Amino acid sequence: MLVIVLLAAFFAVGYYNLTAVELIAAVLIFSWIIVFLRTAGSVTAPAVTDGASAEAS
């Protein structure tokens, strides 16, 4: 969030153009979504690594 606000400030000053700000913001948001989905998926689906331990339970 802070990075996006900083980019908006750079855009207001004229250091970045709008295309660069939108591109960096999109990459940050898309990366956050990927990390969120991986984390949410790992919490809901426990992995069974050994078939023998599953049968013993």
PDB file of N, CA and C in Angstrom:
ATOM      1  N   MET A   1       0.824  -1.192   0.000  1.00  0.00           N
ATOM      2  CA  MET A   1       0.000   0.000   0.000  1.00  0.00           C
ATOM      3  C   MET A   1       0.866   1.254   0.000  1.00  0.00           C
ATOM      4  N   LEU A   2       1.897   1.217   0.819  1.00  0.00           N
ATOM      5  CA  LEU A   2       2.787   2.366   0.908  1.00  0.00           C
ATOM      6  C   LEU A   2       3.511   2.612  -0.414  1.00  0.00           C
ATOM      7  N   VAL A   3       3.845   1.537  -1.105  1.00  0.00           N
ATOM      8  CA  VAL A   3       4.532   1.682  -2.393  1.00  0.00           C
ATOM      9  C   VAL A   3       3.619   2.367  -3.407  1.00  0.00           C
ATOM     10  N   ILE A   4       2.340   2.012  -3.404  1.00  0.00           N
ATOM     11  CA  ILE A   4       1.405   2.616  -4.341  1.00  0.00           C
ATOM     12  C   ILE A   4       1.219   4.107  -4.039  1.00  0.00           C
ATOM     13  N   VAL A   5       1.170   4.449  -2.760  1.00  0.00           N
ATOM     14  CA  VAL A   5       1.064   5.865  -2.382  1.00  0.00           C
ATOM     15  C   VAL A   5       2.325   6.619  -2.802  1.00  0.00           C
ATOM     16  N   LEU A   6       3.475   6.011  -2.613  1.00  0.00           N
ATOM     17  CA  LEU A   6       4.736   6.628  -3.033  1.00  0.00           C
ATOM     18  C   LEU A   6       4.770   6.821  -4.547  1.00  0.00           C
ATOM     19  N   LEU A   7       4.294   5.836  -5.288  1.00  0.00           N
ATOM     20  CA  LEU A   7       4.238   5.975  -6.747  1.00  0.00           C
ATOM     21  C   LEU A   7       3.287   7.091  -7.159  1.00  0.00           C
ATOM     22  N   ALA A   8       2.172   7.230  -6.451  1.00  0.00           N
ATOM     23  CA  ALA A   8       1.245   8.324  -6.760  1.00  0.00           C
ATOM     24  C   ALA A   8       1.906   9.677  -6.513  1.00  0.00           C
ATOM     25  N   ALA A   9       2.722   9.757  -5.458  1.00  0.00           N
ATOM     26  CA  ALA A   9       3.445  11.002  -5.191  1.00  0.00           C
ATOM     27  C   ALA A   9       4.467  11.280  -6.299  1.00  0.00           C
ATOM     28  N   PHE A  10       5.161  10.251  -6.748  1.00  0.00           N
ATOM     29  CA  PHE A  10       6.114  10.425  -7.852  1.00  0.00           C
ATOM     30  C   PHE A  10       5.399  10.853  -9.124  1.00  0.00           C
ATOM     31  N   PHE A  11       4.185  10.325  -9.336  1.00  0.00           N
ATOM     32  CA  PHE A  11       3.409  10.725 -10.503  1.00  0.00           C
ATOM     33  C   PHE A  11       2.996  12.195 -10.402  1.00  0.00           C
ATOM     34  N   ALA A  12       2.602  12.625  -9.211  1.00  0.00           N
ATOM     35  CA  ALA A  12       2.175  14.016  -9.019  1.00  0.00           C
ATOM     36  C   ALA A  12       3.329  14.979  -9.253  1.00  0.00           C
ATOM     37  N   VAL A  13       4.533  14.569  -8.870  1.00  0.00           N
ATOM     38  CA  VAL A  13       5.718  15.417  -9.058  1.00  0.00           C
ATOM     39  C   VAL A  13       6.151  15.425 -10.522  1.00  0.00           C
ATOM     40  N   GLY A  14       5.879  14.328 -11.226  1.00  0.00           N
ATOM     41  CA  GLY A  14       6.281  14.240 -12.624  1.00  0.00           C
ATOM     42  C   GLY A  14       7.453  13.313 -12.849  1.00  0.00           C
ATOM     43  N   TYR A  15       7.841  12.562 -11.814  1.00  0.00           N
ATOM     44  CA  TYR A  15       8.979  11.638 -11.936  1.00  0.00           C
ATOM     45  C   TYR A  15       8.593  10.396 -12.731  1.00  0.00           C
ATOM     46  N   TYR A  16       7.389   9.872 -12.522  1.00  0.00           N
ATOM     47  CA  TYR A  16       6.868   8.730 -13.264  1.00  0.00           C
ATOM     48  C   TYR A  16       5.667   9.180 -14.085  1.00  0.00           C
ATOM     49  N   ASN A  17       5.429   8.453 -15.188  1.00  0.00           N
ATOM     50  CA  ASN A  17       4.201   8.708 -15.930  1.00  0.00           C
ATOM     51  C   ASN A  17       3.126   7.717 -15.460  1.00  0.00           C
ATOM     52  N   LEU A  18       1.911   7.914 -15.893  1.00  0.00           N
ATOM     53  CA  LEU A  18       0.787   7.116 -15.405  1.00  0.00           C
ATOM     54  C   LEU A  18       0.924   5.648 -15.790  1.00  0.00           C
ATOM     55  N   THR A  19       1.496   5.365 -16.934  1.00  0.00           N
ATOM     56  CA  THR A  19       1.664   3.979 -17.367  1.00  0.00           C
ATOM     57  C   THR A  19       2.570   3.214 -16.415  1.00  0.00           C
ATOM     58  N   ALA A  20       3.662   3.823 -15.993  1.00  0.00           N
ATOM     59  CA  ALA A  20       4.580   3.166 -15.062  1.00  0.00           C
ATOM     60  C   ALA A  20       3.916   2.937 -13.709  1.00  0.00           C
ATOM     61  N   VAL A  21       3.156   3.903 -13.238  1.00  0.00           N
ATOM     62  CA  VAL A  21       2.466   3.761 -11.954  1.00  0.00           C
ATOM     63  C   VAL A  21       1.450   2.632 -12.030  1.00  0.00           C
ATOM     64  N   GLU A  22       0.667   2.567 -13.084  1.00  0.00           N
ATOM     65  CA  GLU A  22      -0.327   1.509 -13.232  1.00  0.00           C
ATOM     66  C   GLU A  22       0.328   0.141 -13.371  1.00  0.00           C
ATOM     67  N   LEU A  23       1.433   0.059 -14.091  1.00  0.00           N
ATOM     68  CA  LEU A  23       2.116  -1.213 -14.282  1.00  0.00           C
ATOM     69  C   LEU A  23       2.672  -1.742 -12.965  1.00  0.00           C
ATOM     70  N   ILE A  24       3.327  -0.899 -12.205  1.00  0.00           N
ATOM     71  CA  ILE A  24       3.906  -1.325 -10.927  1.00  0.00           C
ATOM     72  C   ILE A  24       2.797  -1.682  -9.936  1.00  0.00           C
ATOM     73  N   ALA A  25       1.734  -0.914  -9.898  1.00  0.00           N
ATOM     74  CA  ALA A  25       0.614  -1.217  -9.001  1.00  0.00           C
ATOM     75  C   ALA A  25      -0.043  -2.545  -9.384  1.00  0.00           C
ATOM     76  N   ALA A  26      -0.201  -2.804 -10.652  1.00  0.00           N
ATOM     77  CA  ALA A  26      -0.807  -4.062 -11.099  1.00  0.00           C
ATOM     78  C   ALA A  26       0.063  -5.254 -10.731  1.00  0.00           C
ATOM     79  N   VAL A  27       1.371  -5.115 -10.897  1.00  0.00           N
ATOM     80  CA  VAL A  27       2.282  -6.206 -10.524  1.00  0.00           C
ATOM     81  C   VAL A  27       2.224  -6.468  -9.029  1.00  0.00           C
ATOM     82  N   LEU A  28       2.190  -5.418  -8.217  1.00  0.00           N
ATOM     83  CA  LEU A  28       2.101  -5.595  -6.769  1.00  0.00           C
ATOM     84  C   LEU A  28       0.798  -6.272  -6.365  1.00  0.00           C
ATOM     85  N   ILE A  29      -0.306  -5.834  -6.931  1.00  0.00           N
ATOM     86  CA  ILE A  29      -1.606  -6.414  -6.581  1.00  0.00           C
ATOM     87  C   ILE A  29      -1.695  -7.860  -7.050  1.00  0.00           C
ATOM     88  N   PHE A  30      -1.225  -8.152  -8.252  1.00  0.00           N
ATOM     89  CA  PHE A  30      -1.257  -9.517  -8.773  1.00  0.00           C
ATOM     90  C   PHE A  30      -0.371 -10.439  -7.943  1.00  0.00           C
ATOM     91  N   SER A  31       0.792  -9.937  -7.523  1.00  0.00           N
ATOM     92  CA  SER A  31       1.681 -10.738  -6.670  1.00  0.00           C
ATOM     93  C   SER A  31       1.028 -11.019  -5.326  1.00  0.00           C
ATOM     94  N   TRP A  32       0.337 -10.031  -4.765  1.00  0.00           N
ATOM     95  CA  TRP A  32      -0.347 -10.238  -3.491  1.00  0.00           C
ATOM     96  C   TRP A  32      -1.441 -11.290  -3.636  1.00  0.00           C
ATOM     97  N   ILE A  33      -2.166 -11.269  -4.738  1.00  0.00           N
ATOM     98  CA  ILE A  33      -3.224 -12.254  -4.958  1.00  0.00           C
ATOM     99  C   ILE A  33      -2.644 -13.659  -5.053  1.00  0.00           C
ATOM    100  N   ILE A  34      -1.524 -13.823  -5.739  1.00  0.00           N
ATOM    101  CA  ILE A  34      -0.880 -15.133  -5.855  1.00  0.00           C
ATOM    102  C   ILE A  34      -0.456 -15.648  -4.487  1.00  0.00           C
ATOM    103  N   VAL A  35       0.185 -14.801  -3.687  1.00  0.00           N
ATOM    104  CA  VAL A  35       0.619 -15.214  -2.353  1.00  0.00           C
ATOM    105  C   VAL A  35      -0.584 -15.535  -1.477  1.00  0.00           C
ATOM    106  N   PHE A  36      -1.643 -14.746  -1.561  1.00  0.00           N
ATOM    107  CA  PHE A  36      -2.848 -14.997  -0.770  1.00  0.00           C
ATOM    108  C   PHE A  36      -3.477 -16.339  -1.128  1.00  0.00           C
ATOM    109  N   LEU A  37      -3.590 -16.635  -2.422  1.00  0.00           N
ATOM    110  CA  LEU A  37      -4.207 -17.891  -2.836  1.00  0.00           C
ATOM    111  C   LEU A  37      -3.362 -19.093  -2.433  1.00  0.00           C
ATOM    112  N   ARG A  38      -2.052 -18.977  -2.524  1.00  0.00           N
ATOM    113  CA  ARG A  38      -1.189 -20.078  -2.084  1.00  0.00           C
ATOM    114  C   ARG A  38      -1.316 -20.305  -0.589  1.00  0.00           C
ATOM    115  N   THR A  39      -1.376 -19.231   0.182  1.00  0.00           N
ATOM    116  CA  THR A  39      -1.503 -19.357   1.628  1.00  0.00           C
ATOM    117  C   THR A  39      -2.867 -19.924   2.000  1.00  0.00           C
ATOM    118  N   ALA A  40      -3.912 -19.438   1.389  1.00  0.00           N
ATOM    119  CA  ALA A  40      -5.255 -19.936   1.685  1.00  0.00           C
ATOM    120  C   ALA A  40      -5.396 -21.398   1.275  1.00  0.00           C
ATOM    121  N   GLY A  41      -4.783 -21.784   0.183  1.00  0.00           N
ATOM    122  CA  GLY A  41      -4.841 -23.172  -0.263  1.00  0.00           C
ATOM    123  C   GLY A  41      -4.070 -24.112   0.638  1.00  0.00           C
ATOM    124  N   SER A  42      -2.976 -23.659   1.196  1.00  0.00           N
ATOM    125  CA  SER A  42      -2.179 -24.520   2.066  1.00  0.00           C
ATOM    126  C   SER A  42      -2.843 -24.717   3.418  1.00  0.00           C
ATOM    127  N   VAL A  43      -3.680 -23.775   3.833  1.00  0.00           N
ATOM    128  CA  VAL A  43      -4.365 -23.911   5.117  1.00  0.00           C
ATOM    129  C   VAL A  43      -5.523 -24.898   5.000  1.00  0.00           C
ATOM    130  N   THR A  44      -6.246 -24.883   3.893  1.00  0.00           N
ATOM    131  CA  THR A  44      -7.447 -25.695   3.776  1.00  0.00           C
ATOM    132  C   THR A  44      -7.174 -27.110   3.299  1.00  0.00           C
ATOM    133  N   ALA A  45      -6.062 -27.369   2.652  1.00  0.00           N
ATOM    134  CA  ALA A  45      -5.792 -28.693   2.109  1.00  0.00           C
ATOM    135  C   ALA A  45      -4.479 -29.234   2.656  1.00  0.00           C
ATOM    136  N   PRO A  46      -4.527 -30.012   3.738  1.00  0.00           N
ATOM    137  CA  PRO A  46      -3.289 -30.585   4.249  1.00  0.00           C
ATOM    138  C   PRO A  46      -2.758 -31.657   3.290  1.00  0.00           C
ATOM    139  N   ALA A  47      -1.477 -31.645   3.098  1.00  0.00           N
ATOM    140  CA  ALA A  47      -0.862 -32.577   2.157  1.00  0.00           C
ATOM    141  C   ALA A  47      -0.526 -33.892   2.845  1.00  0.00           C
ATOM    142  N   VAL A  48      -0.820 -35.002   2.195  1.00  0.00           N
ATOM    143  CA  VAL A  48      -0.434 -36.325   2.678  1.00  0.00           C
ATOM    144  C   VAL A  48       0.788 -36.747   1.891  1.00  0.00           C
ATOM    145  N   THR A  49       1.915 -36.873   2.575  1.00  0.00           N
ATOM    146  CA  THR A  49       3.159 -37.163   1.865  1.00  0.00           C
ATOM    147  C   THR A  49       3.454 -38.651   1.816  1.00  0.00           C
ATOM    148  N   ASP A  50       2.906 -39.444   2.736  1.00  0.00           N
ATOM    149  CA  ASP A  50       3.231 -40.857   2.798  1.00  0.00           C
ATOM    150  C   ASP A  50       1.939 -41.664   2.819  1.00  0.00           C
ATOM    151  N   GLY A  51       1.770 -42.556   1.855  1.00  0.00           N
ATOM    152  CA  GLY A  51       0.566 -43.356   1.805  1.00  0.00           C
ATOM    153  C   GLY A  51       0.444 -44.323   2.965  1.00  0.00           C
ATOM    154  N   ALA A  52       1.578 -44.816   3.488  1.00  0.00           N
ATOM    155  CA  ALA A  52       1.541 -45.780   4.578  1.00  0.00           C
ATOM    156  C   ALA A  52       1.038 -45.126   5.866  1.00  0.00           C
ATOM    157  N   SER A  53       1.423 -43.885   6.112  1.00  0.00           N
ATOM    158  CA  SER A  53       0.965 -43.219   7.337  1.00  0.00           C
ATOM    159  C   SER A  53      -0.522 -42.910   7.265  1.00  0.00           C
ATOM    160  N   ALA A  54      -1.062 -42.713   6.070  1.00  0.00           N
ATOM    161  CA  ALA A  54      -2.488 -42.461   5.928  1.00  0.00           C
ATOM    162  C   ALA A  54      -3.299 -43.712   6.205  1.00  0.00           C
ATOM    163  N   GLU A  55      -2.746 -44.886   5.802  1.00  0.00           N
ATOM    164  CA  GLU A  55      -3.437 -46.130   6.042  1.00  0.00           C
ATOM    165  C   GLU A  55      -3.396 -46.538   7.500  1.00  0.00           C
ATOM    166  N   ALA A  56      -2.325 -46.189   8.222  1.00  0.00           N
ATOM    167  CA  ALA A  56      -2.173 -46.566   9.612  1.00  0.00           C
ATOM    168  C   ALA A  56      -3.116 -45.804  10.525  1.00  0.00           C
ATOM    169  N   SER A  57      -3.579 -44.648  10.096  1.00  0.00           N
ATOM    170  CA  SER A  57      -4.434 -43.823  10.958  1.00  0.00           C
ATOM    171  C   SER A  57      -5.816 -44.373  11.143  1.00  0.00           C
TER     172      SER A  57
END
